[in-house]
C-alpha atoms as a PDB file:
ATOM      1  CA  UNK A   1     -37.316 -17.447  15.007  1.00  0.00           C
ATOM      2  CA  UNK A   2     -35.357 -18.568  11.962  1.00  0.00           C
ATOM      3  CA  UNK A   3     -35.618 -15.096  10.338  1.00  0.00           C
ATOM      4  CA  UNK A   4     -34.270 -13.441  13.723  1.00  0.00           C
ATOM      5  CA  UNK A   5     -31.024 -16.152  13.659  1.00  0.00           C
ATOM      6  CA  UNK A   6     -30.425 -15.161  10.066  1.00  0.00           C
ATOM      7  CA  UNK A   7     -30.482 -11.432  10.920  1.00  0.00           C
ATOM      8  CA  UNK A   8     -28.255 -11.539  13.898  1.00  0.00           C
ATOM      9  CA  UNK A   9     -25.748 -13.522  11.694  1.00  0.00           C
ATOM     10  CA  UNK A  10     -25.757 -11.006   9.021  1.00  0.00           C
ATOM     11  CA  UNK A  11     -25.302  -8.089  11.268  1.00  0.00           C
ATOM     12  CA  UNK A  12     -22.333  -9.908  12.998  1.00  0.00           C
ATOM     13  CA  UNK A  13     -20.720 -10.678   9.338  1.00  0.00           C
ATOM     14  CA  UNK A  14     -21.225  -7.128   8.726  1.00  0.00           C
ATOM     15  CA  UNK A  15     -19.496  -5.784  11.837  1.00  0.00           C
ATOM     16  CA  UNK A  16     -16.888  -8.132  11.170  1.00  0.00           C
ATOM     17  CA  UNK A  17     -16.508  -7.064   7.799  1.00  0.00           C
ATOM     18  CA  UNK A  18     -16.222  -3.353   8.676  1.00  0.00           C
ATOM     19  CA  UNK A  19     -13.487  -3.772  11.170  1.00  0.00           C
ATOM     20  CA  UNK A  20     -10.496  -5.390   9.161  1.00  0.00           C
ATOM     21  CA  UNK A  21      -7.499  -3.669   7.844  1.00  0.00           C
ATOM     22  CA  UNK A  22      -7.756  -4.759   4.424  1.00  0.00           C
ATOM     23  CA  UNK A  23      -6.379  -2.474   2.105  1.00  0.00           C
ATOM     24  CA  UNK A  24      -8.021  -4.223  -1.193  1.00  0.00           C
ATOM     25  CA  UNK A  25      -8.258  -2.153  -4.098  1.00  0.00           C
ATOM     26  CA  UNK A  26      -5.685   0.750  -2.789  1.00  0.00           C
ATOM     27  CA  UNK A  27      -3.464   2.326  -5.285  1.00  0.00           C
ATOM     28  CA  UNK A  28      -0.156   1.446  -3.334  1.00  0.00           C
ATOM     29  CA  UNK A  29      -0.508  -2.607  -3.045  1.00  0.00           C
ATOM     30  CA  UNK A  30       2.275  -4.080  -4.396  1.00  0.00           C
ATOM     31  CA  UNK A  31       6.072  -4.306  -4.702  1.00  0.00           C
ATOM     32  CA  UNK A  32       7.761  -1.233  -5.011  1.00  0.00           C
ATOM     33  CA  UNK A  33      11.509  -0.546  -5.486  1.00  0.00           C
ATOM     34  CA  UNK A  34      13.841   2.465  -5.063  1.00  0.00           C
ATOM     35  CA  UNK A  35      15.208   3.483  -8.241  1.00  0.00           C
ATOM     36  CA  UNK A  36      16.074   7.109  -7.919  1.00  0.00           C
ATOM     37  CA  UNK A  37      16.161  10.329  -5.923  1.00  0.00           C
ATOM     38  CA  UNK A  38      14.887  13.684  -7.581  1.00  0.00           C
ATOM     39  CA  UNK A  39      14.230  17.217  -6.540  1.00  0.00           C
ATOM     40  CA  UNK A  40      11.440  18.887  -8.025  1.00  0.00           C
ATOM     41  CA  UNK A  41      11.081  22.623  -8.338  1.00  0.00           C
ATOM     42  CA  UNK A  42       8.350  24.327  -6.040  1.00  0.00           C
ATOM     43  CA  UNK A  43       7.995  27.273  -8.497  1.00  0.00           C
ATOM     44  CA  UNK A  44       7.227  25.194 -12.208  1.00  0.00           C
ATOM     45  CA  UNK A  45       7.425  21.308 -11.325  1.00  0.00           C
ATOM     46  CA  UNK A  46      10.736  21.092 -13.508  1.00  0.00           C
ATOM     47  CA  UNK A  47      12.966  18.024 -12.112  1.00  0.00           C
ATOM     48  CA  UNK A  48      16.424  20.137 -10.800  1.00  0.00           C
ATOM     49  CA  UNK A  49      18.301  17.170  -9.700  1.00  0.00           C
ATOM     50  CA  UNK A  50      18.206  13.419 -10.533  1.00  0.00           C
ATOM     51  CA  UNK A  51      20.193  10.467  -9.599  1.00  0.00           C
ATOM     52  CA  UNK A  52      20.177   6.566  -9.461  1.00  0.00           C
ATOM     53  CA  UNK A  53      19.997   5.213  -6.143  1.00  0.00           C
ATOM     54  CA  UNK A  54      23.103   3.201  -5.935  1.00  0.00           C
ATOM     55  CA  UNK A  55      25.095   1.230  -2.636  1.00  0.00           C
ATOM     56  CA  UNK A  56      22.958  -0.761  -0.484  1.00  0.00           C
ATOM     57  CA  UNK A  57      20.118   1.723  -0.869  1.00  0.00           C
ATOM     58  CA  UNK A  58      19.087   0.559  -4.299  1.00  0.00           C
ATOM     59  CA  UNK A  59      17.800  -2.827  -2.974  1.00  0.00           C
ATOM     60  CA  UNK A  60      15.262  -0.861  -1.146  1.00  0.00           C
ATOM     61  CA  UNK A  61      11.565  -2.142  -1.190  1.00  0.00           C
ATOM     62  CA  UNK A  62       8.652  -1.585  -0.117  1.00  0.00           C
ATOM     63  CA  UNK A  63       5.780  -4.271  -0.296  1.00  0.00           C
ATOM     64  CA  UNK A  64       2.072  -3.822   0.758  1.00  0.00           C
ATOM     65  CA  UNK A  65      -0.275  -6.433   0.955  1.00  0.00           C
ATOM     66  CA  UNK A  66      -4.000  -6.746   0.556  1.00  0.00           C
ATOM     67  CA  UNK A  67      -4.559  -7.843   4.029  1.00  0.00           C
ATOM     68  CA  UNK A  68      -2.898  -4.335   5.390  1.00  0.00           C
ATOM     69  CA  UNK A  69       0.233  -5.721   6.171  1.00  0.00           C
ATOM     70  CA  UNK A  70       3.742  -4.222   4.900  1.00  0.00           C
ATOM     71  CA  UNK A  71       7.124  -5.337   4.639  1.00  0.00           C
ATOM     72  CA  UNK A  72      10.209  -3.010   3.989  1.00  0.00           C
ATOM     73  CA  UNK A  73      13.393  -4.820   2.964  1.00  0.00           C
ATOM     74  CA  UNK A  74      16.900  -2.865   2.455  1.00  0.00           C
ATOM     75  CA  UNK A  75      20.328  -4.312   1.890  1.00  0.00           C
ATOM     76  CA  UNK A  76      21.859  -2.094   4.144  1.00  0.00           C
ATOM     77  CA  UNK A  77      20.800  -3.885   7.207  1.00  0.00           C
ATOM     78  CA  UNK A  78      19.924  -7.486   7.793  1.00  0.00           C
ATOM     79  CA  UNK A  79      16.863  -7.029   9.355  1.00  0.00           C
ATOM     80  CA  UNK A  80      13.490  -6.400   7.775  1.00  0.00           C
ATOM     81  CA  UNK A  81      10.735  -4.097   9.115  1.00  0.00           C
ATOM     82  CA  UNK A  82       7.144  -5.327   9.134  1.00  0.00           C
ATOM     83  CA  UNK A  83       4.141  -4.304  10.224  1.00  0.00           C
ATOM     84  CA  UNK A  84       0.499  -2.938   9.195  1.00  0.00           C
ATOM     85  CA  UNK A  85      -0.311   0.192   7.237  1.00  0.00           C
ATOM     86  CA  UNK A  86      -3.265   2.375   6.122  1.00  0.00           C
ATOM     87  CA  UNK A  87      -3.230   4.539   2.840  1.00  0.00           C
ATOM     88  CA  UNK A  88      -5.455   7.672   2.954  1.00  0.00           C
ATOM     89  CA  UNK A  89      -6.019   8.807  -0.916  1.00  0.00           C
ATOM     90  CA  UNK A  90      -7.127  12.173   0.239  1.00  0.00           C
ATOM     91  CA  UNK A  91      -4.114  13.096   1.785  1.00  0.00           C
ATOM     92  CA  UNK A  92      -1.969  10.510  -0.238  1.00  0.00           C
ATOM     93  CA  UNK A  93      -0.355   9.827   3.504  1.00  0.00           C
ATOM     94  CA  UNK A  94       0.858   6.090   3.861  1.00  0.00           C
ATOM     95  CA  UNK A  95       0.660   5.481   7.928  1.00  0.00           C
ATOM     96  CA  UNK A  96       3.070   2.744   9.136  1.00  0.00           C
ATOM     97  CA  UNK A  97       2.380   0.516  12.158  1.00  0.00           C
ATOM     98  CA  UNK A  98       4.650  -1.876  14.147  1.00  0.00           C
ATOM     99  CA  UNK A  99       3.235  -4.239  16.940  1.00  0.00           C
ATOM    100  CA  UNK A 100       4.894  -3.416  20.200  1.00  0.00           C
ATOM    101  CA  UNK A 101       3.581  -4.587  23.368  1.00  0.00           C
ATOM    102  CA  UNK A 102       0.845  -6.446  21.939  1.00  0.00           C
ATOM    103  CA  UNK A 103      -0.641  -3.571  20.191  1.00  0.00           C
ATOM    104  CA  UNK A 104      -0.089  -1.449  17.064  1.00  0.00           C
ATOM    105  CA  UNK A 105       1.742   1.660  17.433  1.00  0.00           C
ATOM    106  CA  UNK A 106       2.320   4.191  14.693  1.00  0.00           C
ATOM    107  CA  UNK A 107       5.767   4.163  13.383  1.00  0.00           C
ATOM    108  CA  UNK A 108       5.511   6.699  10.844  1.00  0.00           C
ATOM    109  CA  UNK A 109       4.149   8.072   7.816  1.00  0.00           C
ATOM    110  CA  UNK A 110       5.730   8.374   4.108  1.00  0.00           C
ATOM    111  CA  UNK A 111       3.795  11.570   2.425  1.00  0.00           C
ATOM    112  CA  UNK A 112       3.461  10.873  -1.365  1.00  0.00           C
ATOM    113  CA  UNK A 113       4.305  13.690  -3.984  1.00  0.00           C
ATOM    114  CA  UNK A 114       2.962  11.427  -6.894  1.00  0.00           C
ATOM    115  CA  UNK A 115       1.403   7.934  -7.354  1.00  0.00           C
ATOM    116  CA  UNK A 116       0.821   6.458 -10.622  1.00  0.00           C
ATOM    117  CA  UNK A 117       0.264   2.794 -11.758  1.00  0.00           C
ATOM    118  CA  UNK A 118       4.047   2.325 -12.049  1.00  0.00           C
ATOM    119  CA  UNK A 119       5.539   4.910  -9.686  1.00  0.00           C
ATOM    120  CA  UNK A 120       5.386   6.291  -6.342  1.00  0.00           C
ATOM    121  CA  UNK A 121       7.394   9.318  -5.033  1.00  0.00           C
ATOM    122  CA  UNK A 122       7.793   9.729  -1.337  1.00  0.00           C
ATOM    123  CA  UNK A 123       9.081  12.935  -0.050  1.00  0.00           C
ATOM    124  CA  UNK A 124      11.957  13.183   1.795  1.00  0.00           C
ATOM    125  CA  UNK A 125      12.457  17.106   2.376  1.00  0.00           C
ATOM    126  CA  UNK A 126      11.750  20.440   1.305  1.00  0.00           C
ATOM    127  CA  UNK A 127      14.451  22.867   0.706  1.00  0.00           C
ATOM    128  CA  UNK A 128      15.141  26.107  -1.500  1.00  0.00           C
ATOM    129  CA  UNK A 129      17.377  23.988  -3.939  1.00  0.00           C
ATOM    130  CA  UNK A 130      17.454  26.572  -6.921  1.00  0.00           C
ATOM    131  CA  UNK A 131      17.608  29.419  -4.443  1.00  0.00           C
ATOM    132  CA  UNK A 132      14.401  30.976  -6.044  1.00  0.00           C
ATOM    133  CA  UNK A 133      12.643  31.923  -3.158  1.00  0.00           C
ATOM    134  CA  UNK A 134      10.631  28.897  -3.327  1.00  0.00           C
ATOM    135  CA  UNK A 135      10.743  25.658  -1.405  1.00  0.00           C
ATOM    136  CA  UNK A 136      11.467  22.577  -3.727  1.00  0.00           C
ATOM    137  CA  UNK A 137      10.739  19.125  -3.269  1.00  0.00           C
ATOM    138  CA  UNK A 138      13.203  16.099  -2.742  1.00  0.00           C
ATOM    139  CA  UNK A 139      11.924  12.764  -3.247  1.00  0.00           C
ATOM    140  CA  UNK A 140      12.663   8.919  -3.562  1.00  0.00           C
ATOM    141  CA  UNK A 141      11.072   7.318  -6.401  1.00  0.00           C
ATOM    142  CA  UNK A 142       9.928   3.834  -6.308  1.00  0.00           C
ATOM    143  CA  UNK A 143       8.965   1.632  -9.571  1.00  0.00           C
ATOM    144  CA  UNK A 144       6.572  -1.147  -9.218  1.00  0.00           C
ATOM    145  CA  UNK A 145       7.961  -4.276  -9.779  1.00  0.00           C
END
């Protein structure tokens, strides 16, 4: 009887452990501050345009926590955005959820162009900036704080 009880508890623990939103070990964890914008050539990867972020957008910060929560702060508004997130390393997409009417609703996604230990680049758009017939990528660069 004791073995059956221990087995039942281990099974319950395993189910609970597998059903959490923890992002422990995710490379996006931490605090990221927007520092600049860039346009990157789709033809050869050369940076075509680079500007520091100024004004109220310069204070934009993402904080991704191990428990799966995130917070987005911008000095452009007095409100903060909070919710949960999931990061897919395969597709390099961060999906953001907010709690609406008692449930998580997808709010949006951030597709990453690049992610290193110190820098995260999120895609903001594509256009043929240098008019060479190839789509170039515009990104916001976040630096790990």
